[in-house]
């Protein structure tokens, strides 16, 4: 098995791809599958982005409060639906595995990890198991983000200690070089976030028919469509000075 890297800066060793992480809360109530990124520090350690407002960061903060390292599994490969579901904004506490199974209309095949009782896709190409430190000790290199820019500074992040690596014969290490659109970091979450925009706007009473994050804009522009009579159906249109056009 060979290892490639996507270099965002001189000497960077970010893994070539968007691995999916599978952490679980200390009380076992929530297991999350989400897209992550990791950078190799040495043969048995990595670091990566753990944002407090993202699901991985929410679970990590619960482990941080206990003072214990968080068990994790990083998955490369597997069903194509896994990174797609991992990249869409499901509510906190949602079960991505069950959600994906519902979309596929069949269960997702999973297997138990070698080190602990976390479960990962049975068809994964590579699975890295270990523990995520309860402290933020290392600063990673700049990374080419989805918006197309590589930020010059990064913040301290936890350290992934590697306990076990399992892989298929002749595994395929998937490539996703984030940066200039369009790439996988736009395609994977684009549809799910577009659906969330529709749900939020409709919940606010806005007459929206559909929404789409334009991938060519690195998902920065959202195209919103409305029905021809949207002015008449807009909540409070008459009270807010938005009146139907005269015929």
Protein backbone atom coordinates (compact mmCIF):
# COMPACT_ATOMS: atom_id res chain seq x y z
CA UNK A 1 0.00 0.00 0.00
CA UNK A 2 1.44 3.36 -0.98
CA UNK A 3 0.58 6.76 0.47
CA UNK A 4 0.03 9.93 -1.49
CA UNK A 5 -0.48 13.40 -0.11
CA UNK A 6 -2.20 16.55 -1.21
CA UNK A 7 0.20 19.36 -0.38
CA UNK A 8 -1.44 22.66 0.47
CA UNK A 9 1.90 24.17 1.37
CA UNK A 10 5.56 23.22 1.33
CA UNK A 11 6.04 20.00 3.26
CA UNK A 12 2.32 19.45 3.95
CA UNK A 13 1.20 15.83 4.36
CA UNK A 14 -2.58 15.93 4.25
CA UNK A 15 -4.05 12.61 3.21
CA UNK A 16 -5.26 12.55 -0.36
CA UNK A 17 -8.98 12.43 0.13
CA UNK A 18 -11.87 13.20 2.46
CA UNK A 19 -11.96 10.35 4.99
CA UNK A 20 -15.11 9.79 6.99
CA UNK A 21 -14.89 9.80 10.76
CA UNK A 22 -17.05 7.67 13.05
CA UNK A 23 -16.92 9.00 16.63
CA UNK A 24 -19.45 8.29 19.40
CA UNK A 25 -20.48 10.29 22.48
CA UNK A 26 -19.19 9.01 25.85
CA UNK A 27 -22.66 7.83 26.85
CA UNK A 28 -23.15 6.00 23.53
CA UNK A 29 -26.32 7.86 22.55
CA UNK A 30 -24.97 9.31 19.27
CA UNK A 31 -22.62 7.91 16.64
CA UNK A 32 -21.79 10.37 13.89
CA UNK A 33 -20.41 9.73 10.39
CA UNK A 34 -18.99 12.91 8.90
CA UNK A 35 -16.33 14.09 6.47
CA UNK A 36 -12.99 14.89 8.09
CA UNK A 37 -9.51 15.86 7.04
CA UNK A 38 -6.27 14.71 8.60
CA UNK A 39 -2.59 15.56 8.27
CA UNK A 40 0.20 13.09 9.07
CA UNK A 41 2.55 14.18 11.86
CA UNK A 42 4.60 10.98 12.01
CA UNK A 43 4.10 7.23 11.60
CA UNK A 44 1.56 6.95 14.44
CA UNK A 45 0.06 10.44 14.81
CA UNK A 46 -2.12 12.80 12.79
CA UNK A 47 -3.92 16.06 13.39
CA UNK A 48 -6.96 17.57 11.72
CA UNK A 49 -9.70 20.16 11.90
CA UNK A 50 -12.14 19.68 14.81
CA UNK A 51 -14.54 22.61 14.71
CA UNK A 52 -16.72 23.09 17.83
CA UNK A 53 -19.91 23.77 15.84
CA UNK A 54 -19.56 20.71 13.61
CA UNK A 55 -20.71 17.29 14.75
CA UNK A 56 -17.21 15.89 15.21
CA UNK A 57 -16.38 18.88 17.41
CA UNK A 58 -19.60 18.52 19.41
CA UNK A 59 -18.79 14.91 20.26
CA UNK A 60 -15.14 15.71 20.94
CA UNK A 61 -16.15 18.41 23.45
CA UNK A 62 -18.09 15.82 25.45
CA UNK A 63 -14.96 13.67 25.62
CA UNK A 64 -12.89 16.75 26.45
CA UNK A 65 -15.14 17.34 29.46
CA UNK A 66 -14.33 13.83 30.73
CA UNK A 67 -10.59 14.33 30.29
CA UNK A 68 -10.37 11.08 28.32
CA UNK A 69 -9.23 10.62 24.69
CA UNK A 70 -12.01 9.96 22.17
CA UNK A 71 -12.08 6.66 20.23
CA UNK A 72 -12.33 7.30 16.50
CA UNK A 73 -12.28 5.44 13.20
CA UNK A 74 -11.28 7.10 9.93
CA UNK A 75 -12.61 5.40 6.81
CA UNK A 76 -11.28 5.66 3.26
CA UNK A 77 -13.45 4.19 0.53
CA UNK A 78 -16.68 2.32 1.05
CA UNK A 79 -20.15 3.04 -0.35
CA UNK A 80 -20.27 6.30 -2.35
CA UNK A 81 -23.24 7.40 -0.29
CA UNK A 82 -21.18 7.55 2.91
CA UNK A 83 -19.22 10.75 2.13
CA UNK A 84 -22.34 12.30 0.61
CA UNK A 85 -24.40 11.70 3.76
CA UNK A 86 -21.41 12.67 5.89
CA UNK A 87 -21.25 16.03 4.13
CA UNK A 88 -24.89 17.09 4.34
CA UNK A 89 -26.23 19.05 7.34
CA UNK A 90 -28.31 16.46 9.16
CA UNK A 91 -29.41 17.56 12.66
CA UNK A 92 -27.14 16.88 15.62
CA UNK A 93 -27.92 13.44 17.01
CA UNK A 94 -29.12 12.06 13.68
CA UNK A 95 -28.05 8.56 12.62
CA UNK A 96 -26.28 8.89 9.27
CA UNK A 97 -26.16 5.12 8.82
CA UNK A 98 -29.93 4.76 9.21
CA UNK A 99 -30.49 7.81 6.99
CA UNK A 100 -28.32 6.35 4.23
CA UNK A 101 -30.04 2.98 4.56
CA UNK A 102 -33.38 4.70 4.12
CA UNK A 103 -32.20 6.40 0.94
CA UNK A 104 -30.78 3.13 -0.42
CA UNK A 105 -33.84 1.15 0.74
CA UNK A 106 -31.55 -1.47 2.26
CA UNK A 107 -29.30 -1.72 5.34
CA UNK A 108 -25.73 -0.45 5.16
CA UNK A 109 -23.30 -3.33 5.76
CA UNK A 110 -21.00 -2.53 8.68
CA UNK A 111 -18.32 -4.36 10.67
CA UNK A 112 -16.90 -3.83 14.14
CA UNK A 113 -13.53 -2.14 14.51
CA UNK A 114 -10.55 -4.14 15.74
CA UNK A 115 -9.79 -1.87 18.71
CA UNK A 116 -13.22 -0.92 20.10
CA UNK A 117 -16.93 -1.32 19.35
CA UNK A 118 -17.31 1.45 16.75
CA UNK A 119 -18.73 0.24 13.44
CA UNK A 120 -17.48 1.14 9.95
CA UNK A 121 -18.60 0.30 6.39
CA UNK A 122 -17.84 -3.34 5.60
CA UNK A 123 -16.58 -2.42 2.11
CA UNK A 124 -14.12 0.26 3.29
CA UNK A 125 -10.77 0.29 1.53
CA UNK A 126 -8.80 1.45 4.59
CA UNK A 127 -9.79 1.90 8.25
CA UNK A 128 -7.56 3.77 10.70
CA UNK A 129 -8.44 3.32 14.39
CA UNK A 130 -7.18 5.17 17.42
CA UNK A 131 -7.83 7.90 19.96
CA UNK A 132 -8.24 11.65 19.62
CA UNK A 133 -6.54 13.62 22.39
CA UNK A 134 -8.69 15.56 24.86
CA UNK A 135 -6.49 18.64 24.38
CA UNK A 136 -5.57 20.85 21.42
CA UNK A 137 -1.81 20.41 21.15
CA UNK A 138 -0.75 20.66 17.51
CA UNK A 139 -1.07 23.15 14.69
CA UNK A 140 -1.47 21.76 11.19
CA UNK A 141 -0.22 23.20 7.94
CA UNK A 142 -2.38 25.46 5.74
CA UNK A 143 -5.05 23.58 3.81
CA UNK A 144 -6.67 24.45 0.48
CA UNK A 145 -10.25 24.92 1.63
CA UNK A 146 -13.47 24.49 -0.34
CA UNK A 147 -13.62 28.21 -1.07
CA UNK A 148 -10.42 27.97 -3.15
CA UNK A 149 -8.04 29.70 -0.74
CA UNK A 150 -5.30 28.26 1.47
CA UNK A 151 -5.29 30.17 4.74
CA UNK A 152 -1.85 31.09 6.02
CA UNK A 153 -2.60 30.37 9.67
CA UNK A 154 -4.31 27.46 11.42
CA UNK A 155 -5.39 26.92 15.01
CA UNK A 156 -4.32 24.29 17.58
CA UNK A 157 -6.14 20.98 17.08
CA UNK A 158 -6.32 17.60 18.84
CA UNK A 159 -3.94 14.79 17.90
CA UNK A 160 -5.10 11.48 16.38
CA UNK A 161 -3.05 8.60 17.83
CA UNK A 162 -3.11 5.51 15.60
CA UNK A 163 -3.67 2.11 17.25
CA UNK A 164 -4.57 -0.06 14.25
CA UNK A 165 -4.85 0.06 10.45
CA UNK A 166 -6.83 -2.49 8.44
CA UNK A 167 -7.20 -2.54 4.68
CA UNK A 168 -8.29 -4.61 1.73
CA UNK A 169 -5.84 -6.24 -0.62
CA UNK A 170 -4.53 -3.59 -3.03
CA UNK A 171 -6.69 -0.85 -1.48
CA UNK A 172 -7.71 2.24 -3.42
CA UNK A 173 -6.85 5.49 -1.64
CA UNK A 174 -9.41 7.97 -2.96
CA UNK A 175 -8.25 11.39 -4.11
CA UNK A 176 -10.03 14.65 -3.39
CA UNK A 177 -7.78 17.67 -3.85
CA UNK A 178 -9.88 20.45 -2.35
CA UNK A 179 -9.50 23.93 -3.74
CA UNK A 180 -10.40 25.22 -7.18
CA UNK A 181 -14.04 24.42 -8.08
CA UNK A 182 -15.49 22.12 -9.00
CA UNK A 183 -14.17 19.33 -6.75
CA UNK A 184 -15.57 16.67 -4.43
CA UNK A 185 -15.70 19.06 -1.46
CA UNK A 186 -18.36 20.99 -3.42
CA UNK A 187 -20.27 18.07 -4.96
CA UNK A 188 -20.63 15.98 -1.79
CA UNK A 189 -22.32 18.57 0.46
CA UNK A 190 -23.88 20.75 -2.26
CA UNK A 191 -27.13 18.84 -2.71
CA UNK A 192 -27.75 18.36 1.00
CA UNK A 193 -27.12 21.99 1.89
CA UNK A 194 -29.35 23.07 -1.00
CA UNK A 195 -32.15 20.95 0.45
CA UNK A 196 -31.60 22.51 3.88
CA UNK A 197 -31.89 26.00 2.37
CA UNK A 198 -35.27 25.04 0.88
CA UNK A 199 -36.47 23.64 4.22
CA UNK A 200 -35.37 26.71 6.19
CA UNK A 201 -36.92 29.18 3.75
CA UNK A 202 -40.19 27.26 3.54
CA UNK A 203 -40.33 27.04 7.34
CA UNK A 204 -40.12 30.84 7.34
CA UNK A 205 -43.14 30.95 5.03
CA UNK A 206 -41.22 32.02 1.95
CA UNK A 207 -42.65 30.75 -1.37
CA UNK A 208 -39.56 28.91 -2.57
CA UNK A 209 -39.77 26.19 -5.21
CA UNK A 210 -36.15 25.05 -5.17
CA UNK A 211 -32.60 26.10 -4.29
CA UNK A 212 -29.21 25.07 -5.60
CA UNK A 213 -25.70 25.91 -4.46
CA UNK A 214 -23.84 26.72 -7.66
CA UNK A 215 -20.86 24.35 -7.62
CA UNK A 216 -18.84 26.56 -9.96
CA UNK A 217 -18.93 29.30 -7.28
CA UNK A 218 -17.42 26.94 -4.67
CA UNK A 219 -20.90 26.73 -3.12
CA UNK A 220 -20.87 30.45 -2.26
CA UNK A 221 -23.86 31.40 -4.43
CA UNK A 222 -27.31 29.93 -3.92
CA UNK A 223 -29.75 30.06 -6.81
CA UNK A 224 -33.31 30.37 -5.47
CA UNK A 225 -36.40 29.92 -7.63
CA UNK A 226 -39.90 31.09 -6.77
CA UNK A 227 -43.30 30.73 -8.47
CA UNK A 228 -44.52 33.49 -10.81
CA UNK A 229 -46.99 34.76 -8.17
CA UNK A 230 -44.43 34.84 -5.34
CA UNK A 231 -45.31 38.45 -4.47
CA UNK A 232 -48.90 37.48 -3.71
CA UNK A 233 -47.90 34.55 -1.52
CA UNK A 234 -45.07 36.29 0.35
CA UNK A 235 -45.98 36.50 4.07
CA UNK A 236 -46.99 40.01 5.07
CA UNK A 237 -46.37 41.41 1.59
CA UNK A 238 -49.07 44.04 1.92
CA UNK A 239 -47.88 45.17 5.35
CA UNK A 240 -44.22 45.45 4.37
CA UNK A 241 -44.65 47.49 1.25
CA UNK A 242 -44.11 44.59 -1.16
CA UNK A 243 -47.14 44.74 -3.35
CA UNK A 244 -48.22 42.63 -6.31
CA UNK A 245 -47.42 44.22 -9.67
CA UNK A 246 -50.23 46.09 -11.39
CA UNK A 247 -51.74 44.39 -14.37
